[in-house]
Amino acid sequence: MNGNLLNSEKEKYFLQPGYIFVSREPHLVSTVLGSCVAVCMWDPVLKFGGMNHYVHSKPFRKQQSAQFGSVSIIHMIRLMIQLGSNKVNLKAHVAGGAQNPEMGSTIIGAENIKVAEKILKDNYIDIVTFDTGGKMGRKVVFDTETGEIVVYKVNNLREYDWYADKSSNN
C-alpha cells in the first residue's frame, strides 16, 4: 500500500453509492464498499480517470440510475470518451462485491462482480486490478491522474474509513 497516495495534496472526493465521478483534473476519489462494487477507470495516455459505485447489477425495471452496474459502467465509459479518451486506452480496477449474509444475501456481491467483468470484457477494457468477493468490506482510494489504487480490507467500518486521507490502520 502506498502511503504517498494518501498523503497527496490532490483534491479529495468521497463517492457515495449510486454515483459516478470522472474528471480531467487530478483527484483522490474514495469510497467504502460491502456488497457494492466500484469500477475505477483510467486513461494512461491522457492521465485522467474516474470511479463509479453501484449497489445492484441490473435495474429491476427500465431504470437508468447509476445505482445499477449495467447502467453505471456504460455511462462512465461514455463520460471518459466524451472527455477525450480512446476506449482502447482505458484500464480498469474492480473492487468490492463482498458477501453480506447479515443483510440476508450472499449473491448481490457476486452479481455485481459479474456485471463489471462482462461489460468491461465486452468493451475490450483491460482489468488491471481485481479485488473482489470474500466477506470483508473495502475502503478504496483511487488517484485519477496516475491510475494508482489502494484497497483496504476492513471487518467493521469506522468513522475514519469514510475519508480519503485516513488509513484504516490507525
N, C-alpha and C. Protein backbone atom coordinates (compact mmCIF):
# COMPACT_ATOMS: atom_id res chain seq x y z
N MET A 1 0.83 -1.18 0.00
CA MET A 1 0.00 0.00 0.00
C MET A 1 0.87 1.23 0.00
N ASN A 2 0.47 2.19 -0.74
CA ASN A 2 1.29 3.36 -0.93
C ASN A 2 0.83 4.50 -0.03
N GLY A 3 1.59 4.78 1.02
CA GLY A 3 1.28 5.87 1.92
C GLY A 3 1.36 7.22 1.24
N ASN A 4 2.19 7.34 0.19
CA ASN A 4 2.30 8.61 -0.54
C ASN A 4 0.98 8.99 -1.18
N LEU A 5 0.22 8.01 -1.63
CA LEU A 5 -1.07 8.29 -2.25
C LEU A 5 -2.00 8.97 -1.25
N LEU A 6 -2.04 8.47 -0.04
CA LEU A 6 -2.93 9.04 0.97
C LEU A 6 -2.45 10.39 1.48
N ASN A 7 -1.17 10.69 1.32
CA ASN A 7 -0.63 11.98 1.76
C ASN A 7 -0.61 13.01 0.64
N SER A 8 -1.19 12.69 -0.47
CA SER A 8 -1.20 13.57 -1.63
C SER A 8 -1.95 14.87 -1.33
N GLU A 9 -1.53 15.93 -1.99
CA GLU A 9 -2.20 17.22 -1.87
C GLU A 9 -3.34 17.37 -2.88
N LYS A 10 -3.62 16.33 -3.64
CA LYS A 10 -4.69 16.40 -4.63
C LYS A 10 -6.04 16.58 -3.94
N GLU A 11 -6.96 17.21 -4.67
CA GLU A 11 -8.30 17.39 -4.14
C GLU A 11 -8.94 16.03 -3.89
N LYS A 12 -9.63 15.93 -2.77
CA LYS A 12 -10.25 14.66 -2.38
C LYS A 12 -11.75 14.71 -2.62
N TYR A 13 -12.28 13.57 -3.04
CA TYR A 13 -13.72 13.47 -3.29
C TYR A 13 -14.20 12.12 -2.76
N PHE A 14 -15.23 12.13 -1.92
CA PHE A 14 -15.81 10.88 -1.43
C PHE A 14 -17.02 10.54 -2.29
N LEU A 15 -17.02 9.36 -2.87
CA LEU A 15 -18.08 8.93 -3.78
C LEU A 15 -19.13 8.13 -3.03
N GLN A 16 -20.34 8.64 -3.05
CA GLN A 16 -21.48 7.97 -2.42
C GLN A 16 -22.00 6.84 -3.32
N PRO A 17 -22.71 5.87 -2.75
CA PRO A 17 -23.32 4.81 -3.57
C PRO A 17 -24.29 5.40 -4.60
N GLY A 18 -24.25 4.84 -5.81
CA GLY A 18 -25.15 5.28 -6.87
C GLY A 18 -24.65 6.47 -7.65
N TYR A 19 -23.37 6.80 -7.53
CA TYR A 19 -22.81 7.95 -8.23
C TYR A 19 -21.62 7.56 -9.08
N ILE A 20 -21.29 8.47 -10.01
CA ILE A 20 -20.12 8.34 -10.88
C ILE A 20 -19.33 9.63 -10.77
N PHE A 21 -18.01 9.52 -10.71
CA PHE A 21 -17.14 10.70 -10.70
C PHE A 21 -16.09 10.51 -11.78
N VAL A 22 -16.02 11.44 -12.74
CA VAL A 22 -14.99 11.44 -13.78
C VAL A 22 -14.50 12.88 -13.92
N SER A 23 -13.18 13.07 -13.97
CA SER A 23 -12.63 14.42 -14.08
C SER A 23 -11.29 14.39 -14.80
N ARG A 24 -11.05 15.44 -15.60
CA ARG A 24 -9.72 15.61 -16.21
C ARG A 24 -8.74 16.23 -15.21
N GLU A 25 -9.26 16.76 -14.12
CA GLU A 25 -8.42 17.33 -13.06
C GLU A 25 -8.02 16.22 -12.08
N PRO A 26 -6.80 16.28 -11.54
CA PRO A 26 -6.35 15.25 -10.60
C PRO A 26 -7.16 15.26 -9.29
N HIS A 27 -7.61 14.11 -8.90
CA HIS A 27 -8.34 13.93 -7.64
C HIS A 27 -7.96 12.61 -7.00
N LEU A 28 -8.15 12.54 -5.69
CA LEU A 28 -8.18 11.27 -4.98
C LEU A 28 -9.65 11.00 -4.69
N VAL A 29 -10.16 9.94 -5.28
CA VAL A 29 -11.55 9.58 -5.09
C VAL A 29 -11.58 8.37 -4.17
N SER A 30 -12.43 8.42 -3.16
CA SER A 30 -12.53 7.29 -2.24
C SER A 30 -13.98 6.88 -2.07
N THR A 31 -14.15 5.64 -1.66
CA THR A 31 -15.47 5.12 -1.34
C THR A 31 -15.30 3.94 -0.40
N VAL A 32 -16.40 3.50 0.18
CA VAL A 32 -16.41 2.35 1.07
C VAL A 32 -17.43 1.36 0.53
N LEU A 33 -17.02 0.09 0.44
CA LEU A 33 -17.83 -0.93 -0.21
C LEU A 33 -18.08 -2.13 0.69
N GLY A 34 -19.27 -2.69 0.56
CA GLY A 34 -19.59 -4.01 1.11
C GLY A 34 -19.89 -4.89 -0.09
N SER A 35 -21.19 -5.15 -0.32
CA SER A 35 -21.58 -5.93 -1.49
C SER A 35 -21.57 -5.07 -2.76
N CYS A 36 -21.53 -3.75 -2.59
CA CYS A 36 -21.43 -2.85 -3.75
C CYS A 36 -20.09 -3.05 -4.44
N VAL A 37 -20.01 -2.58 -5.68
CA VAL A 37 -18.77 -2.66 -6.45
C VAL A 37 -18.40 -1.27 -6.95
N ALA A 38 -17.12 -0.99 -6.98
CA ALA A 38 -16.59 0.23 -7.60
C ALA A 38 -15.70 -0.18 -8.76
N VAL A 39 -15.90 0.47 -9.89
CA VAL A 39 -15.00 0.33 -11.03
C VAL A 39 -14.26 1.65 -11.14
N CYS A 40 -12.93 1.58 -11.09
CA CYS A 40 -12.08 2.75 -11.29
C CYS A 40 -11.53 2.65 -12.70
N MET A 41 -11.75 3.68 -13.49
CA MET A 41 -11.31 3.66 -14.88
C MET A 41 -10.28 4.75 -15.09
N TRP A 42 -9.25 4.43 -15.88
CA TRP A 42 -8.14 5.35 -16.06
C TRP A 42 -7.66 5.32 -17.49
N ASP A 43 -7.32 6.49 -18.01
CA ASP A 43 -6.72 6.61 -19.33
C ASP A 43 -5.24 6.95 -19.11
N PRO A 44 -4.33 5.98 -19.31
CA PRO A 44 -2.91 6.22 -19.06
C PRO A 44 -2.26 7.16 -20.07
N VAL A 45 -2.91 7.38 -21.20
CA VAL A 45 -2.37 8.30 -22.21
C VAL A 45 -2.69 9.74 -21.83
N LEU A 46 -3.95 10.01 -21.50
CA LEU A 46 -4.36 11.37 -21.14
C LEU A 46 -4.25 11.65 -19.65
N LYS A 47 -3.97 10.64 -18.86
CA LYS A 47 -3.74 10.76 -17.42
C LYS A 47 -4.92 11.35 -16.66
N PHE A 48 -6.10 10.76 -16.87
CA PHE A 48 -7.26 11.11 -16.06
C PHE A 48 -8.15 9.89 -15.92
N GLY A 49 -9.09 9.99 -15.00
CA GLY A 49 -9.96 8.83 -14.79
C GLY A 49 -11.14 9.15 -13.91
N GLY A 50 -11.76 8.09 -13.43
CA GLY A 50 -12.94 8.24 -12.59
C GLY A 50 -13.29 6.95 -11.89
N MET A 51 -14.36 7.03 -11.12
CA MET A 51 -14.82 5.89 -10.34
C MET A 51 -16.34 5.90 -10.31
N ASN A 52 -16.93 4.69 -10.30
CA ASN A 52 -18.34 4.59 -10.00
C ASN A 52 -18.51 3.75 -8.75
N HIS A 53 -19.71 3.76 -8.21
CA HIS A 53 -20.03 2.96 -7.02
C HIS A 53 -21.48 2.54 -7.19
N TYR A 54 -21.68 1.27 -7.56
CA TYR A 54 -23.05 0.83 -7.79
C TYR A 54 -23.48 -0.21 -6.76
N VAL A 55 -24.80 -0.27 -6.56
CA VAL A 55 -25.41 -1.06 -5.50
C VAL A 55 -25.91 -2.41 -6.00
N HIS A 56 -26.50 -2.41 -7.19
CA HIS A 56 -27.07 -3.63 -7.79
C HIS A 56 -26.54 -3.80 -9.20
N SER A 57 -26.56 -5.03 -9.68
CA SER A 57 -26.01 -5.32 -11.01
C SER A 57 -26.87 -4.75 -12.13
N LYS A 58 -28.19 -4.96 -12.05
CA LYS A 58 -29.09 -4.56 -13.14
C LYS A 58 -30.36 -3.94 -12.56
N PRO A 59 -30.99 -3.05 -13.34
CA PRO A 59 -32.25 -2.45 -12.87
C PRO A 59 -33.36 -3.50 -12.77
N PHE A 60 -34.28 -3.25 -11.86
CA PHE A 60 -35.43 -4.14 -11.69
C PHE A 60 -36.47 -3.86 -12.77
N ARG A 61 -36.52 -2.63 -13.22
CA ARG A 61 -37.39 -2.23 -14.32
C ARG A 61 -36.49 -1.58 -15.36
N LYS A 62 -36.95 -0.56 -16.01
CA LYS A 62 -36.13 0.11 -17.03
C LYS A 62 -35.49 1.37 -16.47
N GLN A 63 -35.08 1.32 -15.22
CA GLN A 63 -34.47 2.47 -14.57
C GLN A 63 -33.09 2.74 -15.17
N GLN A 64 -32.73 3.99 -15.27
CA GLN A 64 -31.43 4.38 -15.80
C GLN A 64 -30.58 5.05 -14.73
N SER A 65 -30.57 4.49 -13.56
CA SER A 65 -29.85 5.05 -12.43
C SER A 65 -28.44 4.48 -12.34
N ALA A 66 -27.51 5.31 -11.88
CA ALA A 66 -26.13 4.86 -11.66
C ALA A 66 -26.02 3.91 -10.47
N GLN A 67 -27.12 3.62 -9.80
CA GLN A 67 -27.12 2.62 -8.74
C GLN A 67 -26.93 1.22 -9.31
N PHE A 68 -27.10 1.08 -10.62
CA PHE A 68 -27.03 -0.22 -11.27
C PHE A 68 -25.78 -0.32 -12.14
N GLY A 69 -25.01 -1.38 -11.95
CA GLY A 69 -23.76 -1.56 -12.67
C GLY A 69 -23.92 -1.54 -14.17
N SER A 70 -24.99 -2.17 -14.68
CA SER A 70 -25.18 -2.23 -16.13
C SER A 70 -25.41 -0.85 -16.73
N VAL A 71 -25.88 0.09 -15.94
CA VAL A 71 -26.08 1.47 -16.38
C VAL A 71 -24.82 2.29 -16.09
N SER A 72 -24.32 2.16 -14.87
CA SER A 72 -23.22 2.99 -14.38
C SER A 72 -21.92 2.80 -15.16
N ILE A 73 -21.56 1.56 -15.43
CA ILE A 73 -20.28 1.30 -16.12
C ILE A 73 -20.33 1.83 -17.55
N ILE A 74 -21.43 1.56 -18.25
CA ILE A 74 -21.58 2.07 -19.63
C ILE A 74 -21.53 3.59 -19.64
N HIS A 75 -22.20 4.22 -18.69
CA HIS A 75 -22.21 5.68 -18.65
C HIS A 75 -20.81 6.23 -18.35
N MET A 76 -20.07 5.56 -17.47
CA MET A 76 -18.71 6.02 -17.16
C MET A 76 -17.81 5.90 -18.39
N ILE A 77 -17.95 4.83 -19.16
CA ILE A 77 -17.18 4.69 -20.41
C ILE A 77 -17.51 5.85 -21.34
N ARG A 78 -18.79 6.17 -21.46
CA ARG A 78 -19.20 7.29 -22.33
C ARG A 78 -18.62 8.61 -21.85
N LEU A 79 -18.61 8.83 -20.53
CA LEU A 79 -18.03 10.06 -19.99
C LEU A 79 -16.54 10.16 -20.29
N MET A 80 -15.84 9.05 -20.15
CA MET A 80 -14.40 9.04 -20.46
C MET A 80 -14.17 9.40 -21.93
N ILE A 81 -14.97 8.84 -22.81
CA ILE A 81 -14.84 9.12 -24.25
C ILE A 81 -15.19 10.58 -24.54
N GLN A 82 -16.25 11.09 -23.89
CA GLN A 82 -16.63 12.50 -24.08
C GLN A 82 -15.52 13.45 -23.66
N LEU A 83 -14.72 13.03 -22.69
CA LEU A 83 -13.61 13.87 -22.22
C LEU A 83 -12.32 13.63 -23.00
N GLY A 84 -12.40 12.84 -24.07
CA GLY A 84 -11.26 12.70 -24.97
C GLY A 84 -10.59 11.34 -25.03
N SER A 85 -10.98 10.41 -24.18
CA SER A 85 -10.33 9.10 -24.18
C SER A 85 -10.68 8.30 -25.42
N ASN A 86 -9.72 7.49 -25.83
CA ASN A 86 -9.95 6.46 -26.83
C ASN A 86 -10.19 5.19 -26.04
N LYS A 87 -11.30 4.51 -26.28
CA LYS A 87 -11.67 3.35 -25.48
C LYS A 87 -10.58 2.29 -25.42
N VAL A 88 -9.79 2.15 -26.47
CA VAL A 88 -8.74 1.12 -26.48
C VAL A 88 -7.64 1.41 -25.45
N ASN A 89 -7.55 2.65 -24.98
CA ASN A 89 -6.54 3.01 -23.98
C ASN A 89 -6.99 2.79 -22.54
N LEU A 90 -8.28 2.59 -22.33
CA LEU A 90 -8.81 2.54 -20.97
C LEU A 90 -8.38 1.29 -20.21
N LYS A 91 -8.11 1.49 -18.92
CA LYS A 91 -7.77 0.42 -17.98
C LYS A 91 -8.75 0.51 -16.82
N ALA A 92 -8.98 -0.62 -16.16
CA ALA A 92 -9.95 -0.63 -15.06
C ALA A 92 -9.42 -1.39 -13.85
N HIS A 93 -9.87 -0.93 -12.69
CA HIS A 93 -9.69 -1.64 -11.43
C HIS A 93 -11.11 -1.96 -10.95
N VAL A 94 -11.32 -3.16 -10.43
CA VAL A 94 -12.63 -3.55 -9.91
C VAL A 94 -12.45 -3.98 -8.46
N ALA A 95 -13.28 -3.42 -7.57
CA ALA A 95 -13.18 -3.77 -6.15
C ALA A 95 -14.58 -3.87 -5.54
N GLY A 96 -14.69 -4.69 -4.52
CA GLY A 96 -15.95 -4.82 -3.78
C GLY A 96 -16.62 -6.15 -4.02
N GLY A 97 -17.94 -6.16 -3.86
CA GLY A 97 -18.71 -7.37 -4.10
C GLY A 97 -18.61 -8.40 -3.00
N ALA A 98 -18.43 -7.95 -1.77
CA ALA A 98 -18.33 -8.90 -0.65
C ALA A 98 -19.68 -9.55 -0.39
N GLN A 99 -19.63 -10.74 0.18
CA GLN A 99 -20.86 -11.39 0.64
C GLN A 99 -21.35 -10.62 1.86
N ASN A 100 -22.65 -10.51 1.97
CA ASN A 100 -23.20 -9.78 3.10
C ASN A 100 -24.33 -10.58 3.73
N PRO A 101 -24.02 -11.68 4.43
CA PRO A 101 -25.06 -12.53 4.99
C PRO A 101 -25.92 -11.81 6.03
N GLU A 102 -25.39 -10.78 6.68
CA GLU A 102 -26.17 -10.03 7.66
C GLU A 102 -27.33 -9.30 7.01
N MET A 103 -27.20 -8.98 5.73
CA MET A 103 -28.27 -8.31 5.01
C MET A 103 -29.19 -9.32 4.32
N GLY A 104 -28.97 -10.61 4.56
CA GLY A 104 -29.83 -11.64 4.01
C GLY A 104 -29.49 -12.05 2.59
N SER A 105 -28.33 -11.65 2.09
CA SER A 105 -27.98 -12.00 0.72
C SER A 105 -26.49 -12.26 0.59
N THR A 106 -26.19 -13.34 -0.09
CA THR A 106 -24.79 -13.62 -0.41
C THR A 106 -24.56 -13.54 -1.91
N ILE A 107 -25.62 -13.26 -2.70
CA ILE A 107 -25.46 -13.25 -4.16
C ILE A 107 -25.37 -11.85 -4.76
N ILE A 108 -25.78 -10.82 -4.03
CA ILE A 108 -25.75 -9.47 -4.60
C ILE A 108 -24.33 -9.10 -5.00
N GLY A 109 -23.37 -9.34 -4.11
CA GLY A 109 -21.97 -9.02 -4.42
C GLY A 109 -21.48 -9.78 -5.63
N ALA A 110 -21.79 -11.08 -5.72
CA ALA A 110 -21.36 -11.89 -6.86
C ALA A 110 -21.97 -11.39 -8.16
N GLU A 111 -23.23 -11.00 -8.12
CA GLU A 111 -23.88 -10.45 -9.33
C GLU A 111 -23.25 -9.12 -9.73
N ASN A 112 -22.91 -8.30 -8.74
CA ASN A 112 -22.25 -7.02 -9.03
C ASN A 112 -20.88 -7.23 -9.68
N ILE A 113 -20.15 -8.22 -9.22
CA ILE A 113 -18.84 -8.53 -9.81
C ILE A 113 -19.00 -9.00 -11.25
N LYS A 114 -19.96 -9.91 -11.48
CA LYS A 114 -20.17 -10.47 -12.83
C LYS A 114 -20.50 -9.39 -13.85
N VAL A 115 -21.33 -8.42 -13.48
CA VAL A 115 -21.71 -7.39 -14.45
C VAL A 115 -20.50 -6.53 -14.82
N ALA A 116 -19.63 -6.26 -13.86
CA ALA A 116 -18.41 -5.49 -14.17
C ALA A 116 -17.53 -6.27 -15.13
N GLU A 117 -17.30 -7.54 -14.83
CA GLU A 117 -16.47 -8.37 -15.71
C GLU A 117 -17.02 -8.40 -17.13
N LYS A 118 -18.33 -8.62 -17.25
CA LYS A 118 -18.94 -8.76 -18.57
C LYS A 118 -18.86 -7.46 -19.38
N ILE A 119 -19.25 -6.36 -18.77
CA ILE A 119 -19.27 -5.09 -19.51
C ILE A 119 -17.86 -4.67 -19.90
N LEU A 120 -16.91 -4.81 -19.00
CA LEU A 120 -15.53 -4.43 -19.33
C LEU A 120 -14.97 -5.34 -20.42
N LYS A 121 -15.24 -6.63 -20.33
CA LYS A 121 -14.78 -7.56 -21.36
C LYS A 121 -15.43 -7.25 -22.71
N ASP A 122 -16.75 -7.02 -22.71
CA ASP A 122 -17.47 -6.71 -23.95
C ASP A 122 -16.97 -5.42 -24.60
N ASN A 123 -16.41 -4.52 -23.79
CA ASN A 123 -15.89 -3.25 -24.31
C ASN A 123 -14.37 -3.26 -24.47
N TYR A 124 -13.76 -4.43 -24.33
CA TYR A 124 -12.32 -4.61 -24.52
C TYR A 124 -11.49 -3.70 -23.62
N ILE A 125 -11.96 -3.53 -22.38
CA ILE A 125 -11.23 -2.73 -21.40
C ILE A 125 -10.51 -3.68 -20.45
N ASP A 126 -9.18 -3.52 -20.38
CA ASP A 126 -8.36 -4.39 -19.53
C ASP A 126 -8.64 -4.14 -18.05
N ILE A 127 -8.81 -5.22 -17.30
CA ILE A 127 -8.92 -5.12 -15.85
C ILE A 127 -7.52 -5.33 -15.28
N VAL A 128 -6.98 -4.28 -14.68
CA VAL A 128 -5.62 -4.30 -14.14
C VAL A 128 -5.60 -4.89 -12.73
N THR A 129 -6.56 -4.50 -11.92
CA THR A 129 -6.67 -4.97 -10.54
C THR A 129 -8.06 -5.50 -10.31
N PHE A 130 -8.14 -6.66 -9.66
CA PHE A 130 -9.42 -7.29 -9.39
C PHE A 130 -9.40 -7.72 -7.93
N ASP A 131 -10.00 -6.94 -7.04
CA ASP A 131 -10.01 -7.23 -5.61
C ASP A 131 -11.48 -7.33 -5.18
N THR A 132 -12.04 -8.53 -5.30
CA THR A 132 -13.48 -8.70 -5.12
C THR A 132 -13.81 -9.92 -4.27
N GLY A 133 -15.08 -9.97 -3.86
CA GLY A 133 -15.61 -11.12 -3.14
C GLY A 133 -15.18 -11.16 -1.69
N GLY A 134 -15.28 -12.34 -1.12
CA GLY A 134 -14.93 -12.51 0.29
C GLY A 134 -16.01 -11.97 1.20
N LYS A 135 -15.65 -11.80 2.46
CA LYS A 135 -16.62 -11.35 3.46
C LYS A 135 -16.26 -10.01 4.08
N MET A 136 -15.15 -9.43 3.65
CA MET A 136 -14.70 -8.17 4.24
C MET A 136 -15.11 -6.98 3.38
N GLY A 137 -15.46 -5.88 4.05
CA GLY A 137 -15.70 -4.65 3.35
C GLY A 137 -14.38 -4.06 2.87
N ARG A 138 -14.49 -3.05 2.03
CA ARG A 138 -13.29 -2.43 1.48
C ARG A 138 -13.42 -0.91 1.48
N LYS A 139 -12.29 -0.27 1.75
CA LYS A 139 -12.16 1.17 1.54
C LYS A 139 -11.23 1.31 0.34
N VAL A 140 -11.66 2.05 -0.66
CA VAL A 140 -10.91 2.21 -1.90
C VAL A 140 -10.51 3.67 -2.05
N VAL A 141 -9.26 3.90 -2.39
CA VAL A 141 -8.77 5.25 -2.71
C VAL A 141 -8.11 5.16 -4.08
N PHE A 142 -8.54 6.03 -5.01
CA PHE A 142 -8.09 5.98 -6.40
C PHE A 142 -7.57 7.34 -6.82
N ASP A 143 -6.38 7.36 -7.41
CA ASP A 143 -5.78 8.58 -7.95
C ASP A 143 -6.15 8.66 -9.42
N THR A 144 -6.98 9.64 -9.77
CA THR A 144 -7.47 9.75 -11.15
C THR A 144 -6.38 10.16 -12.14
N GLU A 145 -5.28 10.71 -11.65
CA GLU A 145 -4.20 11.14 -12.53
C GLU A 145 -3.23 10.01 -12.85
N THR A 146 -2.87 9.23 -11.84
CA THR A 146 -1.85 8.19 -12.02
C THR A 146 -2.44 6.80 -12.25
N GLY A 147 -3.72 6.63 -11.91
CA GLY A 147 -4.34 5.31 -12.01
C GLY A 147 -4.02 4.41 -10.84
N GLU A 148 -3.31 4.94 -9.85
CA GLU A 148 -2.94 4.14 -8.68
C GLU A 148 -4.16 3.93 -7.78
N ILE A 149 -4.24 2.73 -7.21
CA ILE A 149 -5.36 2.40 -6.34
C ILE A 149 -4.82 1.77 -5.06
N VAL A 150 -5.48 2.09 -3.95
CA VAL A 150 -5.20 1.45 -2.68
C VAL A 150 -6.52 0.87 -2.18
N VAL A 151 -6.51 -0.40 -1.80
CA VAL A 151 -7.70 -1.06 -1.27
C VAL A 151 -7.38 -1.57 0.13
N TYR A 152 -8.13 -1.07 1.10
CA TYR A 152 -8.01 -1.55 2.48
C TYR A 152 -9.18 -2.49 2.73
N LYS A 153 -8.91 -3.65 3.28
CA LYS A 153 -9.98 -4.56 3.67
C LYS A 153 -10.26 -4.34 5.15
N VAL A 154 -11.54 -4.22 5.48
CA VAL A 154 -11.93 -3.93 6.85
C VAL A 154 -13.05 -4.86 7.30
N ASN A 155 -12.97 -5.31 8.55
CA ASN A 155 -14.04 -6.13 9.12
C ASN A 155 -15.24 -5.28 9.49
N ASN A 156 -14.97 -4.14 10.09
CA ASN A 156 -16.03 -3.23 10.51
C ASN A 156 -15.67 -1.83 10.04
N LEU A 157 -16.67 -1.12 9.56
CA LEU A 157 -16.42 0.25 9.12
C LEU A 157 -16.37 1.17 10.33
N ARG A 158 -15.36 2.01 10.34
CA ARG A 158 -15.21 3.01 11.39
C ARG A 158 -15.42 4.38 10.76
N GLU A 159 -15.60 5.37 11.58
CA GLU A 159 -15.86 6.71 11.05
C GLU A 159 -14.77 7.15 10.09
N TYR A 160 -13.50 6.89 10.42
CA TYR A 160 -12.42 7.37 9.56
C TYR A 160 -12.28 6.57 8.27
N ASP A 161 -12.99 5.45 8.12
CA ASP A 161 -12.97 4.73 6.85
C ASP A 161 -13.67 5.52 5.75
N TRP A 162 -14.45 6.52 6.13
CA TRP A 162 -15.22 7.28 5.16
C TRP A 162 -14.47 8.48 4.59
N TYR A 163 -13.16 8.58 4.89
CA TYR A 163 -12.39 9.72 4.41
C TYR A 163 -11.14 9.27 3.68
N ALA A 164 -10.82 9.95 2.57
CA ALA A 164 -9.69 9.55 1.72
C ALA A 164 -8.35 9.72 2.41
N ASP A 165 -8.24 10.63 3.35
CA ASP A 165 -6.93 10.94 3.90
C ASP A 165 -6.62 10.19 5.20
N LYS A 166 -7.41 9.20 5.53
CA LYS A 166 -7.18 8.44 6.75
C LYS A 166 -6.95 6.97 6.41
N SER A 167 -6.02 6.38 7.05
CA SER A 167 -5.71 4.96 6.86
C SER A 167 -6.54 4.12 7.82
N SER A 168 -6.99 2.97 7.36
CA SER A 168 -7.74 2.07 8.24
C SER A 168 -6.82 1.38 9.23
N ASN A 169 -5.52 1.65 9.14
CA ASN A 169 -4.57 1.04 10.07
C ASN A 169 -4.38 1.90 11.31
N ASN A 170 -5.06 3.03 11.40
CA ASN A 170 -4.89 3.92 12.56
C ASN A 170 -5.55 3.35 13.79
